[in-house]
Amino acid sequence: KRHGISHLVRKPMVRADMAAVIREALD
């Protein structure tokens, strides 16, 4: 929050999870 970051993704990740985070972040 202090840095204005909306989402944290932990490695390793799968493409579908990353796509969901991107969609949520944009919405």
mmCIF file of all heavy atoms, coordinates in Angstrom:
data_MODEL
# 
_entry.id   MODEL 
# 
loop_
_atom_site.group_PDB 
_atom_site.id 
_atom_site.type_symbol 
_atom_site.label_atom_id 
_atom_site.label_alt_id 
_atom_site.label_comp_id 
_atom_site.label_asym_id 
_atom_site.label_entity_id 
_atom_site.label_seq_id 
_atom_site.pdbx_PDB_ins_code 
_atom_site.Cartn_x 
_atom_site.Cartn_y 
_atom_site.Cartn_z 
_atom_site.occupancy 
_atom_site.B_iso_or_equiv 
_atom_site.pdbx_formal_charge 
_atom_site.auth_seq_id 
_atom_site.auth_comp_id 
_atom_site.auth_asym_id 
_atom_site.auth_atom_id 
_atom_site.pdbx_PDB_model_num 
ATOM 1   N N   . LYS A 1 1  ? 0.829   -1.209  0.000   1.00 0.00 ? 1  LYS A N   1 
ATOM 2   C CA  . LYS A 1 1  ? 0.000   0.000   0.000   1.00 0.00 ? 1  LYS A CA  1 
ATOM 3   C C   . LYS A 1 1  ? 0.868   1.266   0.000   1.00 0.00 ? 1  LYS A C   1 
ATOM 4   O O   . LYS A 1 1  ? 0.579   2.216   -0.720  1.00 0.00 ? 1  LYS A O   1 
ATOM 5   C CB  . LYS A 1 1  ? -0.941  0.005   1.194   1.00 0.00 ? 1  LYS A CB  1 
ATOM 6   C CG  . LYS A 1 1  ? -1.852  1.220   1.213   1.00 0.00 ? 1  LYS A CG  1 
ATOM 7   C CD  . LYS A 1 1  ? -3.177  0.917   1.824   1.00 0.00 ? 1  LYS A CD  1 
ATOM 8   C CE  . LYS A 1 1  ? -4.065  2.114   1.922   1.00 0.00 ? 1  LYS A CE  1 
ATOM 9   N NZ  . LYS A 1 1  ? -4.563  2.600   0.658   1.00 0.00 ? 1  LYS A NZ  1 
ATOM 10  N N   . ARG A 1 2  ? 1.931   1.255   0.778   1.00 0.00 ? 2  ARG A N   1 
ATOM 11  C CA  . ARG A 1 2  ? 2.809   2.426   0.854   1.00 0.00 ? 2  ARG A CA  1 
ATOM 12  C C   . ARG A 1 2  ? 3.371   2.792   -0.523  1.00 0.00 ? 2  ARG A C   1 
ATOM 13  O O   . ARG A 1 2  ? 3.559   3.963   -0.844  1.00 0.00 ? 2  ARG A O   1 
ATOM 14  C CB  . ARG A 1 2  ? 3.942   2.176   1.851   1.00 0.00 ? 2  ARG A CB  1 
ATOM 15  C CG  . ARG A 1 2  ? 4.806   3.389   2.088   1.00 0.00 ? 2  ARG A CG  1 
ATOM 16  C CD  . ARG A 1 2  ? 5.784   3.214   3.238   1.00 0.00 ? 2  ARG A CD  1 
ATOM 17  N NE  . ARG A 1 2  ? 6.720   2.137   3.023   1.00 0.00 ? 2  ARG A NE  1 
ATOM 18  C CZ  . ARG A 1 2  ? 6.772   1.022   3.758   1.00 0.00 ? 2  ARG A CZ  1 
ATOM 19  N NH1 . ARG A 1 2  ? 5.939   0.819   4.750   1.00 0.00 ? 2  ARG A NH1 1 
ATOM 20  N NH2 . ARG A 1 2  ? 7.668   0.089   3.501   1.00 0.00 ? 2  ARG A NH2 1 
ATOM 21  N N   . HIS A 1 3  ? 3.605   1.784   -1.351  1.00 0.00 ? 3  HIS A N   1 
ATOM 22  C CA  . HIS A 1 3  ? 4.176   2.013   -2.682  1.00 0.00 ? 3  HIS A CA  1 
ATOM 23  C C   . HIS A 1 3  ? 3.121   2.066   -3.787  1.00 0.00 ? 3  HIS A C   1 
ATOM 24  O O   . HIS A 1 3  ? 3.467   2.235   -4.953  1.00 0.00 ? 3  HIS A O   1 
ATOM 25  C CB  . HIS A 1 3  ? 5.212   0.936   -2.990  1.00 0.00 ? 3  HIS A CB  1 
ATOM 26  C CG  . HIS A 1 3  ? 6.407   1.011   -2.091  1.00 0.00 ? 3  HIS A CG  1 
ATOM 27  N ND1 . HIS A 1 3  ? 7.433   1.909   -2.296  1.00 0.00 ? 3  HIS A ND1 1 
ATOM 28  C CD2 . HIS A 1 3  ? 6.721   0.340   -0.963  1.00 0.00 ? 3  HIS A CD2 1 
ATOM 29  C CE1 . HIS A 1 3  ? 8.328   1.771   -1.340  1.00 0.00 ? 3  HIS A CE1 1 
ATOM 30  N NE2 . HIS A 1 3  ? 7.921   0.821   -0.519  1.00 0.00 ? 3  HIS A NE2 1 
ATOM 31  N N   . GLY A 1 4  ? 1.845   1.911   -3.415  1.00 0.00 ? 4  GLY A N   1 
ATOM 32  C CA  . GLY A 1 4  ? 0.767   2.013   -4.401  1.00 0.00 ? 4  GLY A CA  1 
ATOM 33  C C   . GLY A 1 4  ? 0.612   0.783   -5.281  1.00 0.00 ? 4  GLY A C   1 
ATOM 34  O O   . GLY A 1 4  ? 0.113   0.875   -6.403  1.00 0.00 ? 4  GLY A O   1 
ATOM 35  N N   . ILE A 1 5  ? 1.027   -0.366  -4.768  1.00 0.00 ? 5  ILE A N   1 
ATOM 36  C CA  . ILE A 1 5  ? 0.965   -1.613  -5.529  1.00 0.00 ? 5  ILE A CA  1 
ATOM 37  C C   . ILE A 1 5  ? -0.363  -2.301  -5.245  1.00 0.00 ? 5  ILE A C   1 
ATOM 38  O O   . ILE A 1 5  ? -0.721  -2.523  -4.091  1.00 0.00 ? 5  ILE A O   1 
ATOM 39  C CB  . ILE A 1 5  ? 2.149   -2.526  -5.162  1.00 0.00 ? 5  ILE A CB  1 
ATOM 40  C CG1 . ILE A 1 5  ? 3.453   -1.821  -5.545  1.00 0.00 ? 5  ILE A CG1 1 
ATOM 41  C CG2 . ILE A 1 5  ? 2.014   -3.893  -5.818  1.00 0.00 ? 5  ILE A CG2 1 
ATOM 42  C CD1 . ILE A 1 5  ? 4.696   -2.470  -4.993  1.00 0.00 ? 5  ILE A CD1 1 
ATOM 43  N N   . SER A 1 6  ? -1.071  -2.654  -6.307  1.00 0.00 ? 6  SER A N   1 
ATOM 44  C CA  . SER A 1 6  ? -2.404  -3.239  -6.131  1.00 0.00 ? 6  SER A CA  1 
ATOM 45  C C   . SER A 1 6  ? -2.378  -4.748  -5.933  1.00 0.00 ? 6  SER A C   1 
ATOM 46  O O   . SER A 1 6  ? -3.225  -5.286  -5.233  1.00 0.00 ? 6  SER A O   1 
ATOM 47  C CB  . SER A 1 6  ? -3.308  -2.892  -7.311  1.00 0.00 ? 6  SER A CB  1 
ATOM 48  O OG  . SER A 1 6  ? -2.782  -3.422  -8.506  1.00 0.00 ? 6  SER A OG  1 
ATOM 49  N N   . HIS A 1 7  ? -1.434  -5.440  -6.555  1.00 0.00 ? 7  HIS A N   1 
ATOM 50  C CA  . HIS A 1 7  ? -1.428  -6.897  -6.496  1.00 0.00 ? 7  HIS A CA  1 
ATOM 51  C C   . HIS A 1 7  ? -0.004  -7.439  -6.363  1.00 0.00 ? 7  HIS A C   1 
ATOM 52  O O   . HIS A 1 7  ? 0.926   -6.888  -6.948  1.00 0.00 ? 7  HIS A O   1 
ATOM 53  C CB  . HIS A 1 7  ? -2.063  -7.493  -7.745  1.00 0.00 ? 7  HIS A CB  1 
ATOM 54  C CG  . HIS A 1 7  ? -3.523  -7.218  -7.856  1.00 0.00 ? 7  HIS A CG  1 
ATOM 55  N ND1 . HIS A 1 7  ? -4.019  -5.992  -8.236  1.00 0.00 ? 7  HIS A ND1 1 
ATOM 56  C CD2 . HIS A 1 7  ? -4.592  -8.013  -7.620  1.00 0.00 ? 7  HIS A CD2 1 
ATOM 57  C CE1 . HIS A 1 7  ? -5.336  -6.042  -8.233  1.00 0.00 ? 7  HIS A CE1 1 
ATOM 58  N NE2 . HIS A 1 7  ? -5.706  -7.256  -7.865  1.00 0.00 ? 7  HIS A NE2 1 
ATOM 59  N N   . LEU A 1 8  ? 0.102   -8.536  -5.632  1.00 0.00 ? 8  LEU A N   1 
ATOM 60  C CA  . LEU A 1 8  ? 1.364   -9.253  -5.475  1.00 0.00 ? 8  LEU A CA  1 
ATOM 61  C C   . LEU A 1 8  ? 1.194   -10.634 -6.088  1.00 0.00 ? 8  LEU A C   1 
ATOM 62  O O   . LEU A 1 8  ? 0.230   -11.342 -5.775  1.00 0.00 ? 8  LEU A O   1 
ATOM 63  C CB  . LEU A 1 8  ? 1.725   -9.381  -3.993  1.00 0.00 ? 8  LEU A CB  1 
ATOM 64  C CG  . LEU A 1 8  ? 2.966   -10.207 -3.668  1.00 0.00 ? 8  LEU A CG  1 
ATOM 65  C CD1 . LEU A 1 8  ? 4.220   -9.497  -4.158  1.00 0.00 ? 8  LEU A CD1 1 
ATOM 66  C CD2 . LEU A 1 8  ? 3.054   -10.467 -2.164  1.00 0.00 ? 8  LEU A CD2 1 
ATOM 67  N N   . VAL A 1 9  ? 2.109   -11.011 -6.963  1.00 0.00 ? 9  VAL A N   1 
ATOM 68  C CA  . VAL A 1 9  ? 2.111   -12.341 -7.575  1.00 0.00 ? 9  VAL A CA  1 
ATOM 69  C C   . VAL A 1 9  ? 3.376   -13.044 -7.125  1.00 0.00 ? 9  VAL A C   1 
ATOM 70  O O   . VAL A 1 9  ? 4.474   -12.512 -7.266  1.00 0.00 ? 9  VAL A O   1 
ATOM 71  C CB  . VAL A 1 9  ? 2.063   -12.238 -9.119  1.00 0.00 ? 9  VAL A CB  1 
ATOM 72  C CG1 . VAL A 1 9  ? 2.142   -13.619 -9.749  1.00 0.00 ? 9  VAL A CG1 1 
ATOM 73  C CG2 . VAL A 1 9  ? 0.820   -11.494 -9.571  1.00 0.00 ? 9  VAL A CG2 1 
ATOM 74  N N   . ARG A 1 10 ? 3.202   -14.238 -6.591  1.00 0.00 ? 10 ARG A N   1 
ATOM 75  C CA  . ARG A 1 10 ? 4.351   -15.007 -6.121  1.00 0.00 ? 10 ARG A CA  1 
ATOM 76  C C   . ARG A 1 10 ? 4.809   -15.986 -7.201  1.00 0.00 ? 10 ARG A C   1 
ATOM 77  O O   . ARG A 1 10 ? 3.998   -16.614 -7.859  1.00 0.00 ? 10 ARG A O   1 
ATOM 78  C CB  . ARG A 1 10 ? 3.978   -15.752 -4.858  1.00 0.00 ? 10 ARG A CB  1 
ATOM 79  C CG  . ARG A 1 10 ? 3.777   -14.810 -3.685  1.00 0.00 ? 10 ARG A CG  1 
ATOM 80  C CD  . ARG A 1 10 ? 3.420   -15.585 -2.427  1.00 0.00 ? 10 ARG A CD  1 
ATOM 81  N NE  . ARG A 1 10 ? 3.379   -14.721 -1.277  1.00 0.00 ? 10 ARG A NE  1 
ATOM 82  C CZ  . ARG A 1 10 ? 2.366   -13.936 -0.955  1.00 0.00 ? 10 ARG A CZ  1 
ATOM 83  N NH1 . ARG A 1 10 ? 1.303   -13.889 -1.711  1.00 0.00 ? 10 ARG A NH1 1 
ATOM 84  N NH2 . ARG A 1 10 ? 2.418   -13.186 0.132   1.00 0.00 ? 10 ARG A NH2 1 
ATOM 85  N N   . LYS A 1 11 ? 6.114   -16.085 -7.351  1.00 0.00 ? 11 LYS A N   1 
ATOM 86  C CA  . LYS A 1 11 ? 6.705   -17.069 -8.262  1.00 0.00 ? 11 LYS A CA  1 
ATOM 87  C C   . LYS A 1 11 ? 6.761   -18.408 -7.531  1.00 0.00 ? 11 LYS A C   1 
ATOM 88  O O   . LYS A 1 11 ? 6.961   -18.417 -6.320  1.00 0.00 ? 11 LYS A O   1 
ATOM 89  C CB  . LYS A 1 11 ? 8.117   -16.656 -8.648  1.00 0.00 ? 11 LYS A CB  1 
ATOM 90  C CG  . LYS A 1 11 ? 8.217   -15.399 -9.446  1.00 0.00 ? 11 LYS A CG  1 
ATOM 91  C CD  . LYS A 1 11 ? 9.690   -15.105 -9.674  1.00 0.00 ? 11 LYS A CD  1 
ATOM 92  C CE  . LYS A 1 11 ? 9.916   -13.724 -10.235 1.00 0.00 ? 11 LYS A CE  1 
ATOM 93  N NZ  . LYS A 1 11 ? 11.326  -13.402 -10.339 1.00 0.00 ? 11 LYS A NZ  1 
ATOM 94  N N   . PRO A 1 12 ? 6.658   -19.499 -8.227  1.00 0.00 ? 12 PRO A N   1 
ATOM 95  C CA  . PRO A 1 12 ? 6.325   -19.611 -9.643  1.00 0.00 ? 12 PRO A CA  1 
ATOM 96  C C   . PRO A 1 12 ? 4.842   -19.353 -9.851  1.00 0.00 ? 12 PRO A C   1 
ATOM 97  O O   . PRO A 1 12 ? 4.031   -19.513 -8.945  1.00 0.00 ? 12 PRO A O   1 
ATOM 98  C CB  . PRO A 1 12 ? 6.695   -21.055 -9.981  1.00 0.00 ? 12 PRO A CB  1 
ATOM 99  C CG  . PRO A 1 12 ? 6.523   -21.793 -8.698  1.00 0.00 ? 12 PRO A CG  1 
ATOM 100 C CD  . PRO A 1 12 ? 6.856   -20.816 -7.604  1.00 0.00 ? 12 PRO A CD  1 
ATOM 101 N N   . MET A 1 13 ? 4.485   -18.964 -11.046 1.00 0.00 ? 13 MET A N   1 
ATOM 102 C CA  . MET A 1 13 ? 3.085   -18.672 -11.367 1.00 0.00 ? 13 MET A CA  1 
ATOM 103 C C   . MET A 1 13 ? 2.717   -19.389 -12.661 1.00 0.00 ? 13 MET A C   1 
ATOM 104 O O   . MET A 1 13 ? 3.591   -19.757 -13.432 1.00 0.00 ? 13 MET A O   1 
ATOM 105 C CB  . MET A 1 13 ? 2.867   -17.182 -11.517 1.00 0.00 ? 13 MET A CB  1 
ATOM 106 C CG  . MET A 1 13 ? 3.485   -16.622 -12.774 1.00 0.00 ? 13 MET A CG  1 
ATOM 107 S SD  . MET A 1 13 ? 3.552   -14.864 -12.817 1.00 0.00 ? 13 MET A SD  1 
ATOM 108 C CE  . MET A 1 13 ? 5.273   -14.628 -12.448 1.00 0.00 ? 13 MET A CE  1 
ATOM 109 N N   . VAL A 1 14 ? 1.438   -19.560 -12.861 1.00 0.00 ? 14 VAL A N   1 
ATOM 110 C CA  . VAL A 1 14 ? 0.977   -20.122 -14.129 1.00 0.00 ? 14 VAL A CA  1 
ATOM 111 C C   . VAL A 1 14 ? 0.280   -19.021 -14.905 1.00 0.00 ? 14 VAL A C   1 
ATOM 112 O O   . VAL A 1 14 ? -0.216  -18.043 -14.339 1.00 0.00 ? 14 VAL A O   1 
ATOM 113 C CB  . VAL A 1 14 ? 0.039   -21.332 -13.921 1.00 0.00 ? 14 VAL A CB  1 
ATOM 114 C CG1 . VAL A 1 14 ? 0.783   -22.495 -13.282 1.00 0.00 ? 14 VAL A CG1 1 
ATOM 115 C CG2 . VAL A 1 14 ? -1.165  -20.960 -13.109 1.00 0.00 ? 14 VAL A CG2 1 
ATOM 116 N N   . ARG A 1 15 ? 0.256   -19.169 -16.204 1.00 0.00 ? 15 ARG A N   1 
ATOM 117 C CA  . ARG A 1 15 ? -0.271  -18.139 -17.091 1.00 0.00 ? 15 ARG A CA  1 
ATOM 118 C C   . ARG A 1 15 ? -1.709  -17.737 -16.738 1.00 0.00 ? 15 ARG A C   1 
ATOM 119 O O   . ARG A 1 15 ? -2.044  -16.552 -16.733 1.00 0.00 ? 15 ARG A O   1 
ATOM 120 C CB  . ARG A 1 15 ? -0.201  -18.615 -18.530 1.00 0.00 ? 15 ARG A CB  1 
ATOM 121 C CG  . ARG A 1 15 ? -0.523  -17.538 -19.514 1.00 0.00 ? 15 ARG A CG  1 
ATOM 122 C CD  . ARG A 1 15 ? -0.433  -17.975 -20.948 1.00 0.00 ? 15 ARG A CD  1 
ATOM 123 N NE  . ARG A 1 15 ? 0.572   -19.000 -21.129 1.00 0.00 ? 15 ARG A NE  1 
ATOM 124 C CZ  . ARG A 1 15 ? 0.709   -19.708 -22.236 1.00 0.00 ? 15 ARG A CZ  1 
ATOM 125 N NH1 . ARG A 1 15 ? -0.080  -19.514 -23.250 1.00 0.00 ? 15 ARG A NH1 1 
ATOM 126 N NH2 . ARG A 1 15 ? 1.640   -20.621 -22.338 1.00 0.00 ? 15 ARG A NH2 1 
ATOM 127 N N   . ALA A 1 16 ? -2.554  -18.714 -16.435 1.00 0.00 ? 16 ALA A N   1 
ATOM 128 C CA  . ALA A 1 16 ? -3.961  -18.403 -16.131 1.00 0.00 ? 16 ALA A CA  1 
ATOM 129 C C   . ALA A 1 16 ? -4.073  -17.538 -14.881 1.00 0.00 ? 16 ALA A C   1 
ATOM 130 O O   . ALA A 1 16 ? -4.902  -16.617 -14.830 1.00 0.00 ? 16 ALA A O   1 
ATOM 131 C CB  . ALA A 1 16 ? -4.761  -19.692 -15.957 1.00 0.00 ? 16 ALA A CB  1 
ATOM 132 N N   . ASP A 1 17 ? -3.256  -17.819 -13.877 1.00 0.00 ? 17 ASP A N   1 
ATOM 133 C CA  . ASP A 1 17 ? -3.286  -16.999 -12.655 1.00 0.00 ? 17 ASP A CA  1 
ATOM 134 C C   . ASP A 1 17 ? -2.818  -15.577 -12.945 1.00 0.00 ? 17 ASP A C   1 
ATOM 135 O O   . ASP A 1 17 ? -3.386  -14.611 -12.441 1.00 0.00 ? 17 ASP A O   1 
ATOM 136 C CB  . ASP A 1 17 ? -2.413  -17.621 -11.563 1.00 0.00 ? 17 ASP A CB  1 
ATOM 137 C CG  . ASP A 1 17 ? -2.977  -18.925 -11.040 1.00 0.00 ? 17 ASP A CG  1 
ATOM 138 O OD1 . ASP A 1 17 ? -4.188  -19.195 -11.250 1.00 0.00 ? 17 ASP A OD1 1 
ATOM 139 O OD2 . ASP A 1 17 ? -2.205  -19.683 -10.413 1.00 0.00 ? 17 ASP A OD2 1 
ATOM 140 N N   . MET A 1 18 ? -1.783  -15.448 -13.760 1.00 0.00 ? 18 MET A N   1 
ATOM 141 C CA  . MET A 1 18 ? -1.280  -14.119 -14.105 1.00 0.00 ? 18 MET A CA  1 
ATOM 142 C C   . MET A 1 18 ? -2.328  -13.347 -14.892 1.00 0.00 ? 18 MET A C   1 
ATOM 143 O O   . MET A 1 18 ? -2.543  -12.157 -14.641 1.00 0.00 ? 18 MET A O   1 
ATOM 144 C CB  . MET A 1 18 ? 0.021   -14.242 -14.908 1.00 0.00 ? 18 MET A CB  1 
ATOM 145 C CG  . MET A 1 18 ? 0.718   -12.925 -15.099 1.00 0.00 ? 18 MET A CG  1 
ATOM 146 S SD  . MET A 1 18 ? 1.327   -12.302 -13.522 1.00 0.00 ? 18 MET A SD  1 
ATOM 147 C CE  . MET A 1 18 ? 1.504   -10.592 -13.908 1.00 0.00 ? 18 MET A CE  1 
ATOM 148 N N   . ALA A 1 19 ? -2.997  -14.011 -15.814 1.00 0.00 ? 19 ALA A N   1 
ATOM 149 C CA  . ALA A 1 19 ? -4.046  -13.356 -16.594 1.00 0.00 ? 19 ALA A CA  1 
ATOM 150 C C   . ALA A 1 19 ? -5.170  -12.868 -15.688 1.00 0.00 ? 19 ALA A C   1 
ATOM 151 O O   . ALA A 1 19 ? -5.693  -11.762 -15.863 1.00 0.00 ? 19 ALA A O   1 
ATOM 152 C CB  . ALA A 1 19 ? -4.596  -14.311 -17.653 1.00 0.00 ? 19 ALA A CB  1 
ATOM 153 N N   . ALA A 1 20 ? -5.535  -13.665 -14.689 1.00 0.00 ? 20 ALA A N   1 
ATOM 154 C CA  . ALA A 1 20 ? -6.594  -13.269 -13.753 1.00 0.00 ? 20 ALA A CA  1 
ATOM 155 C C   . ALA A 1 20 ? -6.176  -12.049 -12.934 1.00 0.00 ? 20 ALA A C   1 
ATOM 156 O O   . ALA A 1 20 ? -6.983  -11.145 -12.697 1.00 0.00 ? 20 ALA A O   1 
ATOM 157 C CB  . ALA A 1 20 ? -6.953  -14.437 -12.839 1.00 0.00 ? 20 ALA A CB  1 
ATOM 158 N N   . VAL A 1 21 ? -4.924  -12.008 -12.509 1.00 0.00 ? 21 VAL A N   1 
ATOM 159 C CA  . VAL A 1 21 ? -4.425  -10.864 -11.737 1.00 0.00 ? 21 VAL A CA  1 
ATOM 160 C C   . VAL A 1 21 ? -4.425  -9.604  -12.603 1.00 0.00 ? 21 VAL A C   1 
ATOM 161 O O   . VAL A 1 21 ? -4.823  -8.526  -12.151 1.00 0.00 ? 21 VAL A O   1 
ATOM 162 C CB  . VAL A 1 21 ? -3.012  -11.146 -11.177 1.00 0.00 ? 21 VAL A CB  1 
ATOM 163 C CG1 . VAL A 1 21 ? -2.359  -9.879  -10.648 1.00 0.00 ? 21 VAL A CG1 1 
ATOM 164 C CG2 . VAL A 1 21 ? -3.075  -12.200 -10.091 1.00 0.00 ? 21 VAL A CG2 1 
ATOM 165 N N   . ILE A 1 22 ? -4.010  -9.726  -13.840 1.00 0.00 ? 22 ILE A N   1 
ATOM 166 C CA  . ILE A 1 22 ? -4.002  -8.571  -14.747 1.00 0.00 ? 22 ILE A CA  1 
ATOM 167 C C   . ILE A 1 22 ? -5.425  -8.043  -14.936 1.00 0.00 ? 22 ILE A C   1 
ATOM 168 O O   . ILE A 1 22 ? -5.672  -6.842  -14.844 1.00 0.00 ? 22 ILE A O   1 
ATOM 169 C CB  . ILE A 1 22 ? -3.361  -8.932  -16.099 1.00 0.00 ? 22 ILE A CB  1 
ATOM 170 C CG1 . ILE A 1 22 ? -1.863  -9.157  -15.905 1.00 0.00 ? 22 ILE A CG1 1 
ATOM 171 C CG2 . ILE A 1 22 ? -3.625  -7.849  -17.146 1.00 0.00 ? 22 ILE A CG2 1 
ATOM 172 C CD1 . ILE A 1 22 ? -1.171  -9.778  -17.105 1.00 0.00 ? 22 ILE A CD1 1 
ATOM 173 N N   . ARG A 1 23 ? -6.368  -8.935  -15.180 1.00 0.00 ? 23 ARG A N   1 
ATOM 174 C CA  . ARG A 1 23 ? -7.757  -8.509  -15.373 1.00 0.00 ? 23 ARG A CA  1 
ATOM 175 C C   . ARG A 1 23 ? -8.283  -7.819  -14.121 1.00 0.00 ? 23 ARG A C   1 
ATOM 176 O O   . ARG A 1 23 ? -8.916  -6.764  -14.192 1.00 0.00 ? 23 ARG A O   1 
ATOM 177 C CB  . ARG A 1 23 ? -8.619  -9.741  -15.714 1.00 0.00 ? 23 ARG A CB  1 
ATOM 178 C CG  . ARG A 1 23 ? -10.085 -9.452  -15.922 1.00 0.00 ? 23 ARG A CG  1 
ATOM 179 C CD  . ARG A 1 23 ? -10.373 -8.771  -17.260 1.00 0.00 ? 23 ARG A CD  1 
ATOM 180 N NE  . ARG A 1 23 ? -10.255 -7.319  -17.144 1.00 0.00 ? 23 ARG A NE  1 
ATOM 181 C CZ  . ARG A 1 23 ? -9.961  -6.499  -18.141 1.00 0.00 ? 23 ARG A CZ  1 
ATOM 182 N NH1 . ARG A 1 23 ? -9.736  -6.961  -19.348 1.00 0.00 ? 23 ARG A NH1 1 
ATOM 183 N NH2 . ARG A 1 23 ? -9.883  -5.208  -17.978 1.00 0.00 ? 23 ARG A NH2 1 
ATOM 184 N N   . GLU A 1 24 ? -8.018  -8.406  -12.949 1.00 0.00 ? 24 GLU A N   1 
ATOM 185 C CA  . GLU A 1 24 ? -8.482  -7.811  -11.693 1.00 0.00 ? 24 GLU A CA  1 
ATOM 186 C C   . GLU A 1 24 ? -7.840  -6.445  -11.461 1.00 0.00 ? 24 GLU A C   1 
ATOM 187 O O   . GLU A 1 24 ? -8.507  -5.498  -11.055 1.00 0.00 ? 24 GLU A O   1 
ATOM 188 C CB  . GLU A 1 24 ? -8.173  -8.747  -10.524 1.00 0.00 ? 24 GLU A CB  1 
ATOM 189 C CG  . GLU A 1 24 ? -8.737  -8.271  -9.218  1.00 0.00 ? 24 GLU A CG  1 
ATOM 190 C CD  . GLU A 1 24 ? -8.472  -9.240  -8.088  1.00 0.00 ? 24 GLU A CD  1 
ATOM 191 O OE1 . GLU A 1 24 ? -8.531  -10.456 -8.319  1.00 0.00 ? 24 GLU A OE1 1 
ATOM 192 O OE2 . GLU A 1 24 ? -8.214  -8.770  -6.968  1.00 0.00 ? 24 GLU A OE2 1 
ATOM 193 N N   . ALA A 1 25 ? -6.548  -6.339  -11.719 1.00 0.00 ? 25 ALA A N   1 
ATOM 194 C CA  . ALA A 1 25 ? -5.848  -5.067  -11.523 1.00 0.00 ? 25 ALA A CA  1 
ATOM 195 C C   . ALA A 1 25 ? -6.431  -3.979  -12.416 1.00 0.00 ? 25 ALA A C   1 
ATOM 196 O O   . ALA A 1 25 ? -6.597  -2.836  -11.983 1.00 0.00 ? 25 ALA A O   1 
ATOM 197 C CB  . ALA A 1 25 ? -4.357  -5.243  -11.789 1.00 0.00 ? 25 ALA A CB  1 
ATOM 198 N N   . LEU A 1 26 ? -6.745  -4.315  -13.647 1.00 0.00 ? 26 LEU A N   1 
ATOM 199 C CA  . LEU A 1 26 ? -7.305  -3.324  -14.567 1.00 0.00 ? 26 LEU A CA  1 
ATOM 200 C C   . LEU A 1 26 ? -8.743  -2.951  -14.215 1.00 0.00 ? 26 LEU A C   1 
ATOM 201 O O   . LEU A 1 26 ? -9.170  -1.829  -14.482 1.00 0.00 ? 26 LEU A O   1 
ATOM 202 C CB  . LEU A 1 26 ? -7.236  -3.845  -16.007 1.00 0.00 ? 26 LEU A CB  1 
ATOM 203 C CG  . LEU A 1 26 ? -5.838  -3.909  -16.606 1.00 0.00 ? 26 LEU A CG  1 
ATOM 204 C CD1 . LEU A 1 26 ? -5.857  -4.663  -17.924 1.00 0.00 ? 26 LEU A CD1 1 
ATOM 205 C CD2 . LEU A 1 26 ? -5.244  -2.523  -16.771 1.00 0.00 ? 26 LEU A CD2 1 
ATOM 206 N N   . ASP A 1 27 ? -9.474  -3.874  -13.605 1.00 0.00 ? 27 ASP A N   1 
ATOM 207 C CA  . ASP A 1 27 ? -10.869 -3.613  -13.251 1.00 0.00 ? 27 ASP A CA  1 
ATOM 208 C C   . ASP A 1 27 ? -11.028 -2.859  -11.933 1.00 0.00 ? 27 ASP A C   1 
ATOM 209 O O   . ASP A 1 27 ? -12.056 -2.234  -11.696 1.00 0.00 ? 27 ASP A O   1 
ATOM 210 C CB  . ASP A 1 27 ? -11.651 -4.927  -13.162 1.00 0.00 ? 27 ASP A CB  1 
ATOM 211 C CG  . ASP A 1 27 ? -11.876 -5.565  -14.524 1.00 0.00 ? 27 ASP A CG  1 
ATOM 212 O OD1 . ASP A 1 27 ? -11.710 -4.864  -15.553 1.00 0.00 ? 27 ASP A OD1 1 
ATOM 213 O OD2 . ASP A 1 27 ? -12.195 -6.762  -14.576 1.00 0.00 ? 27 ASP A OD2 1 
# 
